[in-house]
Amino acid sequence: MGAMKHYIWDSYFVELFDACVDEYDEGNRDFEAWFSDEDQEFLKSIGCREREFFDFVEDNVTSGGEDPTAITALLVAAVRRDYFLAIQKGVPSARIVQPSELPAKTAEMDGIPWLPRIIAKARAKLRGEMDPDTMFGCGGDRAFLSKFDIHPADFLRVVWAAGDDDEKILRHVRERQAAIV
């Protein structure tokens, strides 16, 4: 691919995702061997780490291709890419949010379990600061987002737009909750 062609980055992402699903299906779990130099440069150019990519592939395969889909992974990557290029000006953060820094899985905000945790994870995902052993969009996140009928990429956008104002995020979740019939 040479220099990153931004016009077709989404196609490259999906082709790479599909190729990695094939690798995983064939029993290759050594994700560090999945990526050529060109693939690694591509992932860096969109602010995506190899392990994050692997986590989406692994969950896709183990769910029978249902959750998350390649399209969901692409949409989440698109929000991260936008943040990386627009806010971080293509410069990755040197910080890594350790799992111990995240709110507990049982932590609540306004009586909503998991919300403090997923907000912290979403902020870390936006900034590219996810610990390799933590995933934005894990099974717990997907259960939370499904319950409130919020797409993972849309949640990232809400968190981005809210900045440090957790109340804005809470209001959005409450509005989604009220809309569920």
N, C-alpha and C. Protein backbone atom coordinates (compact mmCIF):
# COMPACT_ATOMS: atom_id res chain seq x y z
N MET A 1 0.82 -1.19 0.00
CA MET A 1 0.00 0.00 0.00
C MET A 1 0.86 1.26 0.00
N GLY A 2 2.09 1.15 0.45
CA GLY A 2 2.96 2.31 0.48
C GLY A 2 2.42 3.36 1.41
N ALA A 3 2.37 4.61 0.97
CA ALA A 3 1.81 5.66 1.79
C ALA A 3 0.33 5.39 2.01
N MET A 4 -0.12 5.69 3.20
CA MET A 4 -1.52 5.45 3.54
C MET A 4 -2.43 6.25 2.62
N LYS A 5 -3.35 5.54 2.00
CA LYS A 5 -4.34 6.18 1.14
C LYS A 5 -5.62 6.34 1.97
N HIS A 6 -5.85 7.56 2.44
CA HIS A 6 -6.96 7.80 3.34
C HIS A 6 -8.32 7.54 2.70
N TYR A 7 -8.40 7.72 1.40
CA TYR A 7 -9.68 7.54 0.71
C TYR A 7 -10.17 6.09 0.83
N ILE A 8 -9.26 5.15 0.90
CA ILE A 8 -9.66 3.74 0.95
C ILE A 8 -9.29 3.05 2.27
N TRP A 9 -9.03 3.81 3.31
CA TRP A 9 -8.61 3.20 4.57
C TRP A 9 -9.62 2.19 5.08
N ASP A 10 -10.91 2.48 4.88
CA ASP A 10 -11.95 1.58 5.38
C ASP A 10 -11.90 0.23 4.67
N SER A 11 -11.65 0.23 3.37
CA SER A 11 -11.54 -1.03 2.63
C SER A 11 -10.35 -1.84 3.11
N TYR A 12 -9.23 -1.17 3.34
CA TYR A 12 -8.03 -1.84 3.83
C TYR A 12 -8.33 -2.47 5.19
N PHE A 13 -9.02 -1.73 6.05
CA PHE A 13 -9.37 -2.22 7.38
C PHE A 13 -10.19 -3.50 7.29
N VAL A 14 -11.24 -3.49 6.47
CA VAL A 14 -12.12 -4.66 6.36
C VAL A 14 -11.39 -5.84 5.73
N GLU A 15 -10.57 -5.60 4.73
CA GLU A 15 -9.79 -6.69 4.13
C GLU A 15 -8.83 -7.29 5.15
N LEU A 16 -8.19 -6.44 5.94
CA LEU A 16 -7.29 -6.93 6.97
C LEU A 16 -8.06 -7.70 8.04
N PHE A 17 -9.21 -7.19 8.43
CA PHE A 17 -10.04 -7.86 9.42
C PHE A 17 -10.43 -9.26 8.92
N ASP A 18 -10.89 -9.34 7.70
CA ASP A 18 -11.29 -10.64 7.12
C ASP A 18 -10.10 -11.60 7.06
N ALA A 19 -8.93 -11.10 6.68
CA ALA A 19 -7.74 -11.94 6.61
C ALA A 19 -7.36 -12.45 8.01
N CYS A 20 -7.52 -11.61 9.01
CA CYS A 20 -7.20 -12.01 10.37
C CYS A 20 -8.22 -13.00 10.92
N VAL A 21 -9.48 -12.85 10.54
CA VAL A 21 -10.50 -13.84 10.91
C VAL A 21 -10.10 -15.20 10.35
N ASP A 22 -9.64 -15.21 9.10
CA ASP A 22 -9.18 -16.47 8.49
C ASP A 22 -8.00 -17.05 9.27
N GLU A 23 -7.05 -16.21 9.66
CA GLU A 23 -5.90 -16.68 10.46
C GLU A 23 -6.40 -17.31 11.76
N TYR A 24 -7.30 -16.63 12.43
CA TYR A 24 -7.83 -17.12 13.70
C TYR A 24 -8.57 -18.44 13.49
N ASP A 25 -9.40 -18.49 12.44
CA ASP A 25 -10.14 -19.72 12.12
C ASP A 25 -9.22 -20.90 11.86
N GLU A 26 -8.05 -20.61 11.30
CA GLU A 26 -7.07 -21.66 10.99
C GLU A 26 -6.24 -22.03 12.21
N GLY A 27 -6.55 -21.44 13.36
CA GLY A 27 -5.87 -21.80 14.60
C GLY A 27 -4.68 -20.93 14.95
N ASN A 28 -4.39 -19.92 14.16
CA ASN A 28 -3.26 -19.04 14.43
C ASN A 28 -3.70 -17.95 15.40
N ARG A 29 -3.28 -18.04 16.65
CA ARG A 29 -3.63 -17.04 17.67
C ARG A 29 -2.47 -16.07 17.91
N ASP A 30 -1.36 -16.26 17.20
CA ASP A 30 -0.19 -15.39 17.33
C ASP A 30 -0.42 -14.13 16.49
N PHE A 31 -1.25 -13.23 17.05
CA PHE A 31 -1.66 -12.06 16.27
C PHE A 31 -0.50 -11.19 15.86
N GLU A 32 0.60 -11.22 16.58
CA GLU A 32 1.74 -10.38 16.20
C GLU A 32 2.33 -10.84 14.86
N ALA A 33 2.07 -12.10 14.50
CA ALA A 33 2.55 -12.61 13.22
C ALA A 33 1.55 -12.36 12.08
N TRP A 34 0.39 -11.88 12.41
CA TRP A 34 -0.63 -11.64 11.39
C TRP A 34 -0.31 -10.45 10.49
N PHE A 35 0.42 -9.49 11.00
CA PHE A 35 0.51 -8.19 10.35
C PHE A 35 1.85 -7.99 9.66
N SER A 36 1.79 -7.68 8.37
CA SER A 36 3.00 -7.31 7.62
C SER A 36 3.44 -5.93 8.10
N ASP A 37 4.62 -5.52 7.65
CA ASP A 37 5.09 -4.17 7.97
C ASP A 37 4.08 -3.14 7.49
N GLU A 38 3.55 -3.38 6.31
CA GLU A 38 2.55 -2.47 5.73
C GLU A 38 1.30 -2.41 6.60
N ASP A 39 0.86 -3.58 7.09
CA ASP A 39 -0.31 -3.62 7.96
C ASP A 39 -0.04 -2.87 9.26
N GLN A 40 1.14 -3.07 9.81
CA GLN A 40 1.50 -2.38 11.06
C GLN A 40 1.50 -0.87 10.87
N GLU A 41 2.04 -0.42 9.75
CA GLU A 41 2.04 1.02 9.45
C GLU A 41 0.62 1.54 9.29
N PHE A 42 -0.20 0.74 8.63
CA PHE A 42 -1.61 1.13 8.46
C PHE A 42 -2.28 1.29 9.82
N LEU A 43 -2.13 0.30 10.68
CA LEU A 43 -2.77 0.37 12.00
C LEU A 43 -2.27 1.58 12.78
N LYS A 44 -0.98 1.84 12.74
CA LYS A 44 -0.43 3.03 13.41
C LYS A 44 -1.04 4.30 12.84
N SER A 45 -1.26 4.33 11.53
CA SER A 45 -1.78 5.54 10.88
C SER A 45 -3.21 5.87 11.29
N ILE A 46 -3.94 4.87 11.80
CA ILE A 46 -5.31 5.11 12.25
C ILE A 46 -5.42 5.07 13.78
N GLY A 47 -4.28 4.95 14.46
CA GLY A 47 -4.28 4.97 15.92
C GLY A 47 -4.78 3.68 16.54
N CYS A 48 -4.54 2.57 15.87
CA CYS A 48 -5.02 1.27 16.35
C CYS A 48 -3.84 0.37 16.69
N ARG A 49 -3.89 -0.25 17.84
CA ARG A 49 -2.84 -1.20 18.22
C ARG A 49 -3.23 -2.59 17.76
N GLU A 50 -2.22 -3.41 17.50
CA GLU A 50 -2.46 -4.77 17.01
C GLU A 50 -3.34 -5.56 17.97
N ARG A 51 -3.11 -5.43 19.27
CA ARG A 51 -3.89 -6.20 20.25
C ARG A 51 -5.36 -5.79 20.22
N GLU A 52 -5.64 -4.49 20.04
CA GLU A 52 -7.03 -4.03 19.95
C GLU A 52 -7.71 -4.67 18.74
N PHE A 53 -7.00 -4.70 17.65
CA PHE A 53 -7.52 -5.31 16.42
C PHE A 53 -7.81 -6.79 16.67
N PHE A 54 -6.84 -7.48 17.29
CA PHE A 54 -6.99 -8.90 17.62
C PHE A 54 -8.22 -9.14 18.48
N ASP A 55 -8.44 -8.30 19.49
CA ASP A 55 -9.58 -8.51 20.39
C ASP A 55 -10.90 -8.48 19.62
N PHE A 56 -11.03 -7.57 18.67
CA PHE A 56 -12.25 -7.52 17.87
C PHE A 56 -12.37 -8.77 16.99
N VAL A 57 -11.26 -9.20 16.40
CA VAL A 57 -11.27 -10.41 15.57
C VAL A 57 -11.64 -11.62 16.41
N GLU A 58 -11.00 -11.76 17.56
CA GLU A 58 -11.27 -12.91 18.43
C GLU A 58 -12.73 -12.97 18.86
N ASP A 59 -13.27 -11.84 19.31
CA ASP A 59 -14.67 -11.83 19.73
C ASP A 59 -15.60 -12.09 18.55
N ASN A 60 -15.24 -11.59 17.38
CA ASN A 60 -16.03 -11.86 16.18
C ASN A 60 -16.08 -13.36 15.90
N VAL A 61 -14.94 -14.00 15.91
CA VAL A 61 -14.88 -15.43 15.58
C VAL A 61 -15.60 -16.26 16.65
N THR A 62 -15.34 -15.96 17.92
CA THR A 62 -15.94 -16.77 18.98
C THR A 62 -17.45 -16.56 19.10
N SER A 63 -17.96 -15.48 18.52
CA SER A 63 -19.41 -15.26 18.51
C SER A 63 -20.05 -15.77 17.22
N GLY A 64 -19.28 -16.47 16.41
CA GLY A 64 -19.82 -16.94 15.14
C GLY A 64 -19.99 -15.83 14.12
N GLY A 65 -19.20 -14.78 14.26
CA GLY A 65 -19.24 -13.67 13.30
C GLY A 65 -20.32 -12.65 13.58
N GLU A 66 -20.97 -12.77 14.75
CA GLU A 66 -22.11 -11.90 15.02
C GLU A 66 -21.81 -10.65 15.83
N ASP A 67 -20.91 -10.74 16.82
CA ASP A 67 -20.76 -9.60 17.72
C ASP A 67 -19.36 -9.56 18.30
N PRO A 68 -18.56 -8.63 17.88
CA PRO A 68 -18.83 -7.54 16.95
C PRO A 68 -18.59 -7.97 15.51
N THR A 69 -19.32 -7.38 14.63
CA THR A 69 -19.09 -7.63 13.20
C THR A 69 -17.89 -6.83 12.74
N ALA A 70 -17.43 -7.13 11.54
CA ALA A 70 -16.34 -6.35 10.95
C ALA A 70 -16.76 -4.89 10.80
N ILE A 71 -18.03 -4.67 10.51
CA ILE A 71 -18.53 -3.30 10.34
C ILE A 71 -18.51 -2.56 11.67
N THR A 72 -18.91 -3.23 12.75
CA THR A 72 -18.84 -2.59 14.07
C THR A 72 -17.40 -2.24 14.40
N ALA A 73 -16.49 -3.17 14.17
CA ALA A 73 -15.07 -2.90 14.43
C ALA A 73 -14.59 -1.71 13.61
N LEU A 74 -15.02 -1.63 12.36
CA LEU A 74 -14.66 -0.51 11.49
C LEU A 74 -15.22 0.80 12.03
N LEU A 75 -16.46 0.80 12.45
CA LEU A 75 -17.07 2.03 12.95
C LEU A 75 -16.38 2.51 14.23
N VAL A 76 -16.05 1.59 15.12
CA VAL A 76 -15.32 1.94 16.34
C VAL A 76 -13.94 2.49 15.96
N ALA A 77 -13.27 1.81 15.03
CA ALA A 77 -11.95 2.27 14.58
C ALA A 77 -12.05 3.65 13.92
N ALA A 78 -13.16 3.92 13.25
CA ALA A 78 -13.33 5.22 12.59
C ALA A 78 -13.40 6.35 13.61
N VAL A 79 -14.10 6.13 14.72
CA VAL A 79 -14.17 7.16 15.75
C VAL A 79 -12.79 7.38 16.35
N ARG A 80 -12.10 6.28 16.66
CA ARG A 80 -10.74 6.40 17.21
C ARG A 80 -9.83 7.11 16.23
N ARG A 81 -9.93 6.75 14.94
CA ARG A 81 -9.10 7.37 13.91
C ARG A 81 -9.38 8.87 13.84
N ASP A 82 -10.65 9.25 13.86
CA ASP A 82 -11.00 10.67 13.81
C ASP A 82 -10.40 11.43 14.99
N TYR A 83 -10.51 10.85 16.18
CA TYR A 83 -9.96 11.48 17.38
C TYR A 83 -8.43 11.57 17.26
N PHE A 84 -7.83 10.48 16.82
CA PHE A 84 -6.38 10.42 16.66
C PHE A 84 -5.88 11.50 15.70
N LEU A 85 -6.54 11.65 14.58
CA LEU A 85 -6.08 12.61 13.58
C LEU A 85 -6.49 14.04 13.91
N ALA A 86 -7.72 14.24 14.40
CA ALA A 86 -8.22 15.60 14.64
C ALA A 86 -7.75 16.19 15.97
N ILE A 87 -7.79 15.39 17.02
CA ILE A 87 -7.46 15.90 18.35
C ILE A 87 -5.99 15.67 18.68
N GLN A 88 -5.51 14.47 18.42
CA GLN A 88 -4.12 14.14 18.75
C GLN A 88 -3.14 14.47 17.63
N LYS A 89 -3.65 14.95 16.50
CA LYS A 89 -2.82 15.34 15.36
C LYS A 89 -1.87 14.22 14.93
N GLY A 90 -2.35 12.96 15.06
CA GLY A 90 -1.57 11.81 14.64
C GLY A 90 -0.44 11.41 15.58
N VAL A 91 -0.43 12.00 16.78
CA VAL A 91 0.61 11.69 17.76
C VAL A 91 0.00 10.81 18.85
N PRO A 92 0.47 9.57 18.95
CA PRO A 92 -0.11 8.67 19.96
C PRO A 92 0.23 9.10 21.38
N SER A 93 -0.68 8.81 22.29
CA SER A 93 -0.44 9.07 23.71
C SER A 93 0.57 8.06 24.23
N ALA A 94 1.40 8.50 25.14
CA ALA A 94 2.38 7.59 25.75
C ALA A 94 1.80 6.92 27.00
N ARG A 95 0.62 7.36 27.43
CA ARG A 95 0.01 6.84 28.65
C ARG A 95 -0.78 5.56 28.34
N ILE A 96 -0.77 4.65 29.30
CA ILE A 96 -1.60 3.45 29.22
C ILE A 96 -2.45 3.41 30.50
N VAL A 97 -3.75 3.28 30.34
CA VAL A 97 -4.65 3.18 31.48
C VAL A 97 -4.63 1.73 31.97
N GLN A 98 -4.14 1.55 33.18
CA GLN A 98 -4.05 0.21 33.75
C GLN A 98 -5.43 -0.27 34.19
N PRO A 99 -5.68 -1.58 34.11
CA PRO A 99 -6.98 -2.11 34.54
C PRO A 99 -7.34 -1.67 35.96
N SER A 100 -6.35 -1.55 36.84
CA SER A 100 -6.60 -1.16 38.23
C SER A 100 -7.08 0.29 38.35
N GLU A 101 -6.86 1.10 37.30
CA GLU A 101 -7.31 2.49 37.31
C GLU A 101 -8.77 2.63 36.90
N LEU A 102 -9.34 1.59 36.33
CA LEU A 102 -10.73 1.64 35.87
C LEU A 102 -11.67 1.46 37.05
N PRO A 103 -12.83 2.10 36.99
CA PRO A 103 -13.84 1.83 38.02
C PRO A 103 -14.19 0.33 38.02
N ALA A 104 -14.59 -0.16 39.17
CA ALA A 104 -14.98 -1.56 39.28
C ALA A 104 -16.16 -1.88 38.38
N LYS A 105 -16.27 -3.13 37.99
CA LYS A 105 -17.40 -3.56 37.16
C LYS A 105 -18.73 -3.31 37.87
N THR A 106 -18.70 -3.30 39.19
CA THR A 106 -19.92 -3.09 39.97
C THR A 106 -20.21 -1.63 40.26
N ALA A 107 -19.27 -0.73 39.90
CA ALA A 107 -19.47 0.71 40.16
C ALA A 107 -20.70 1.20 39.40
N GLU A 108 -21.42 2.12 40.03
CA GLU A 108 -22.65 2.66 39.45
C GLU A 108 -22.58 4.17 39.34
N MET A 109 -23.34 4.69 38.40
CA MET A 109 -23.58 6.13 38.30
C MET A 109 -25.09 6.31 38.23
N ASP A 110 -25.62 7.03 39.18
CA ASP A 110 -27.07 7.27 39.22
C ASP A 110 -27.84 5.94 39.14
N GLY A 111 -27.31 4.93 39.82
CA GLY A 111 -27.98 3.63 39.87
C GLY A 111 -27.76 2.75 38.65
N ILE A 112 -26.88 3.16 37.74
CA ILE A 112 -26.64 2.37 36.52
C ILE A 112 -25.28 1.67 36.65
N PRO A 113 -25.32 0.35 36.88
CA PRO A 113 -24.05 -0.38 36.96
C PRO A 113 -23.32 -0.35 35.62
N TRP A 114 -21.99 -0.38 35.71
CA TRP A 114 -21.08 -0.46 34.56
C TRP A 114 -20.83 0.89 33.90
N LEU A 115 -21.71 1.85 34.10
CA LEU A 115 -21.57 3.12 33.39
C LEU A 115 -20.25 3.83 33.72
N PRO A 116 -19.83 3.92 34.99
CA PRO A 116 -18.54 4.58 35.23
C PRO A 116 -17.37 3.87 34.52
N ARG A 117 -17.43 2.56 34.50
CA ARG A 117 -16.37 1.77 33.88
C ARG A 117 -16.32 2.00 32.36
N ILE A 118 -17.46 1.93 31.71
CA ILE A 118 -17.47 2.05 30.25
C ILE A 118 -17.11 3.48 29.83
N ILE A 119 -17.45 4.47 30.65
CA ILE A 119 -17.03 5.84 30.34
C ILE A 119 -15.50 5.93 30.38
N ALA A 120 -14.90 5.39 31.42
CA ALA A 120 -13.44 5.43 31.54
C ALA A 120 -12.78 4.66 30.39
N LYS A 121 -13.35 3.52 30.03
CA LYS A 121 -12.79 2.74 28.92
C LYS A 121 -12.95 3.48 27.61
N ALA A 122 -14.08 4.14 27.41
CA ALA A 122 -14.30 4.89 26.16
C ALA A 122 -13.29 6.04 26.04
N ARG A 123 -13.04 6.72 27.15
CA ARG A 123 -12.05 7.80 27.10
C ARG A 123 -10.66 7.25 26.78
N ALA A 124 -10.33 6.12 27.38
CA ALA A 124 -9.03 5.50 27.09
C ALA A 124 -8.96 5.04 25.64
N LYS A 125 -10.05 4.50 25.12
CA LYS A 125 -10.09 4.06 23.71
C LYS A 125 -9.90 5.26 22.78
N LEU A 126 -10.61 6.33 23.04
CA LEU A 126 -10.48 7.52 22.20
C LEU A 126 -9.03 8.01 22.14
N ARG A 127 -8.37 8.00 23.27
CA ARG A 127 -6.99 8.51 23.36
C ARG A 127 -5.95 7.47 22.98
N GLY A 128 -6.39 6.23 22.70
CA GLY A 128 -5.43 5.17 22.38
C GLY A 128 -4.62 4.74 23.59
N GLU A 129 -5.23 4.76 24.75
CA GLU A 129 -4.53 4.45 25.99
C GLU A 129 -4.99 3.14 26.63
N MET A 130 -5.58 2.26 25.85
CA MET A 130 -6.07 0.99 26.39
C MET A 130 -4.91 0.07 26.74
N ASP A 131 -4.99 -0.51 27.93
CA ASP A 131 -4.05 -1.55 28.32
C ASP A 131 -4.31 -2.77 27.42
N PRO A 132 -3.29 -3.52 27.05
CA PRO A 132 -3.50 -4.68 26.18
C PRO A 132 -4.51 -5.70 26.74
N ASP A 133 -4.66 -5.74 28.06
CA ASP A 133 -5.58 -6.70 28.66
C ASP A 133 -6.98 -6.13 28.89
N THR A 134 -7.23 -4.95 28.36
CA THR A 134 -8.54 -4.32 28.49
C THR A 134 -9.05 -4.03 27.08
N MET A 135 -10.34 -4.20 26.91
CA MET A 135 -10.94 -3.98 25.59
C MET A 135 -12.16 -3.10 25.71
N PHE A 136 -12.22 -2.03 24.90
CA PHE A 136 -13.48 -1.31 24.74
C PHE A 136 -14.30 -2.12 23.76
N GLY A 137 -15.49 -2.50 24.16
CA GLY A 137 -16.33 -3.33 23.31
C GLY A 137 -16.29 -4.79 23.72
N CYS A 138 -15.78 -5.07 24.94
CA CYS A 138 -15.76 -6.44 25.45
C CYS A 138 -17.19 -6.91 25.68
N GLY A 139 -17.34 -8.15 26.10
CA GLY A 139 -18.67 -8.70 26.34
C GLY A 139 -19.49 -7.88 27.33
N GLY A 140 -18.86 -7.42 28.40
CA GLY A 140 -19.58 -6.60 29.39
C GLY A 140 -20.02 -5.27 28.79
N ASP A 141 -19.15 -4.65 28.01
CA ASP A 141 -19.51 -3.39 27.34
C ASP A 141 -20.66 -3.62 26.35
N ARG A 142 -20.55 -4.71 25.59
CA ARG A 142 -21.60 -4.98 24.60
C ARG A 142 -22.94 -5.24 25.29
N ALA A 143 -22.93 -5.94 26.42
CA ALA A 143 -24.17 -6.19 27.15
C ALA A 143 -24.78 -4.86 27.63
N PHE A 144 -23.94 -3.99 28.17
CA PHE A 144 -24.39 -2.68 28.63
C PHE A 144 -24.98 -1.88 27.46
N LEU A 145 -24.22 -1.77 26.39
CA LEU A 145 -24.66 -0.96 25.24
C LEU A 145 -25.91 -1.54 24.59
N SER A 146 -26.00 -2.86 24.51
CA SER A 146 -27.20 -3.49 23.96
C SER A 146 -28.42 -3.19 24.83
N LYS A 147 -28.25 -3.26 26.13
CA LYS A 147 -29.35 -2.98 27.07
C LYS A 147 -29.92 -1.59 26.85
N PHE A 148 -29.04 -0.63 26.55
CA PHE A 148 -29.46 0.75 26.36
C PHE A 148 -29.61 1.12 24.89
N ASP A 149 -29.45 0.14 24.00
CA ASP A 149 -29.62 0.33 22.56
C ASP A 149 -28.72 1.45 22.02
N ILE A 150 -27.43 1.36 22.39
CA ILE A 150 -26.44 2.34 21.94
C ILE A 150 -25.33 1.59 21.20
N HIS A 151 -25.06 1.97 19.97
CA HIS A 151 -23.98 1.35 19.22
C HIS A 151 -22.65 1.75 19.86
N PRO A 152 -21.66 0.83 19.91
CA PRO A 152 -20.37 1.17 20.52
C PRO A 152 -19.72 2.42 19.93
N ALA A 153 -19.78 2.59 18.62
CA ALA A 153 -19.18 3.77 17.99
C ALA A 153 -19.95 5.03 18.39
N ASP A 154 -21.25 4.93 18.50
CA ASP A 154 -22.05 6.09 18.92
C ASP A 154 -21.72 6.47 20.36
N PHE A 155 -21.50 5.46 21.21
CA PHE A 155 -21.13 5.76 22.60
C PHE A 155 -19.80 6.51 22.64
N LEU A 156 -18.85 6.08 21.83
CA LEU A 156 -17.56 6.79 21.78
C LEU A 156 -17.77 8.25 21.37
N ARG A 157 -18.65 8.48 20.40
CA ARG A 157 -18.90 9.86 19.96
C ARG A 157 -19.54 10.69 21.08
N VAL A 158 -20.47 10.08 21.82
CA VAL A 158 -21.11 10.78 22.94
C VAL A 158 -20.07 11.15 23.98
N VAL A 159 -19.18 10.22 24.31
CA VAL A 159 -18.13 10.48 25.30
C VAL A 159 -17.19 11.57 24.79
N TRP A 160 -16.83 11.51 23.52
CA TRP A 160 -15.97 12.54 22.93
C TRP A 160 -16.64 13.91 23.05
N ALA A 161 -17.89 13.99 22.64
CA ALA A 161 -18.61 15.27 22.66
C ALA A 161 -18.80 15.80 24.08
N ALA A 162 -18.94 14.90 25.05
CA ALA A 162 -19.18 15.30 26.44
C ALA A 162 -17.92 15.82 27.12
N GLY A 163 -16.75 15.48 26.58
CA GLY A 163 -15.51 15.90 27.23
C GLY A 163 -15.43 15.27 28.62
N ASP A 164 -15.23 16.10 29.62
CA ASP A 164 -15.13 15.60 31.00
C ASP A 164 -16.47 15.63 31.74
N ASP A 165 -17.54 15.96 31.05
CA ASP A 165 -18.85 16.11 31.69
C ASP A 165 -19.61 14.77 31.71
N ASP A 166 -19.44 14.03 32.78
CA ASP A 166 -20.11 12.74 32.90
C ASP A 166 -21.63 12.88 32.89
N GLU A 167 -22.14 14.02 33.36
CA GLU A 167 -23.60 14.23 33.40
C GLU A 167 -24.20 14.21 31.98
N LYS A 168 -23.46 14.73 31.00
CA LYS A 168 -23.95 14.70 29.61
C LYS A 168 -24.08 13.26 29.14
N ILE A 169 -23.11 12.44 29.51
CA ILE A 169 -23.16 11.03 29.11
C ILE A 169 -24.31 10.34 29.82
N LEU A 170 -24.48 10.60 31.09
CA LEU A 170 -25.59 10.02 31.86
C LEU A 170 -26.93 10.42 31.23
N ARG A 171 -27.08 11.69 30.88
CA ARG A 171 -28.33 12.13 30.25
C ARG A 171 -28.60 11.36 28.96
N HIS A 172 -27.55 11.17 28.16
CA HIS A 172 -27.73 10.41 26.91
C HIS A 172 -28.20 8.99 27.20
N VAL A 173 -27.57 8.34 28.15
CA VAL A 173 -27.95 6.96 28.50
C VAL A 173 -29.38 6.94 29.01
N ARG A 174 -29.74 7.89 29.86
CA ARG A 174 -31.12 7.96 30.37
C ARG A 174 -32.12 8.20 29.23
N GLU A 175 -31.76 9.04 28.27
CA GLU A 175 -32.65 9.28 27.11
C GLU A 175 -32.82 7.99 26.30
N ARG A 176 -31.74 7.26 26.12
CA ARG A 176 -31.83 5.98 25.39
C ARG A 176 -32.69 5.00 26.18
N GLN A 177 -32.52 4.98 27.49
CA GLN A 177 -33.29 4.08 28.35
C GLN A 177 -34.78 4.41 28.24
N ALA A 178 -35.12 5.69 28.23
CA ALA A 178 -36.52 6.10 28.14
C ALA A 178 -37.13 5.78 26.78
N ALA A 179 -36.28 5.73 25.75
CA ALA A 179 -36.77 5.47 24.39
C ALA A 179 -37.01 3.99 24.14
N ILE A 180 -36.46 3.13 25.00
CA ILE A 180 -36.64 1.70 24.83
C ILE A 180 -38.04 1.31 25.29
N VAL A 181 -38.76 0.70 24.39
CA VAL A 181 -40.15 0.31 24.72
C VAL A 181 -40.23 -1.17 24.90
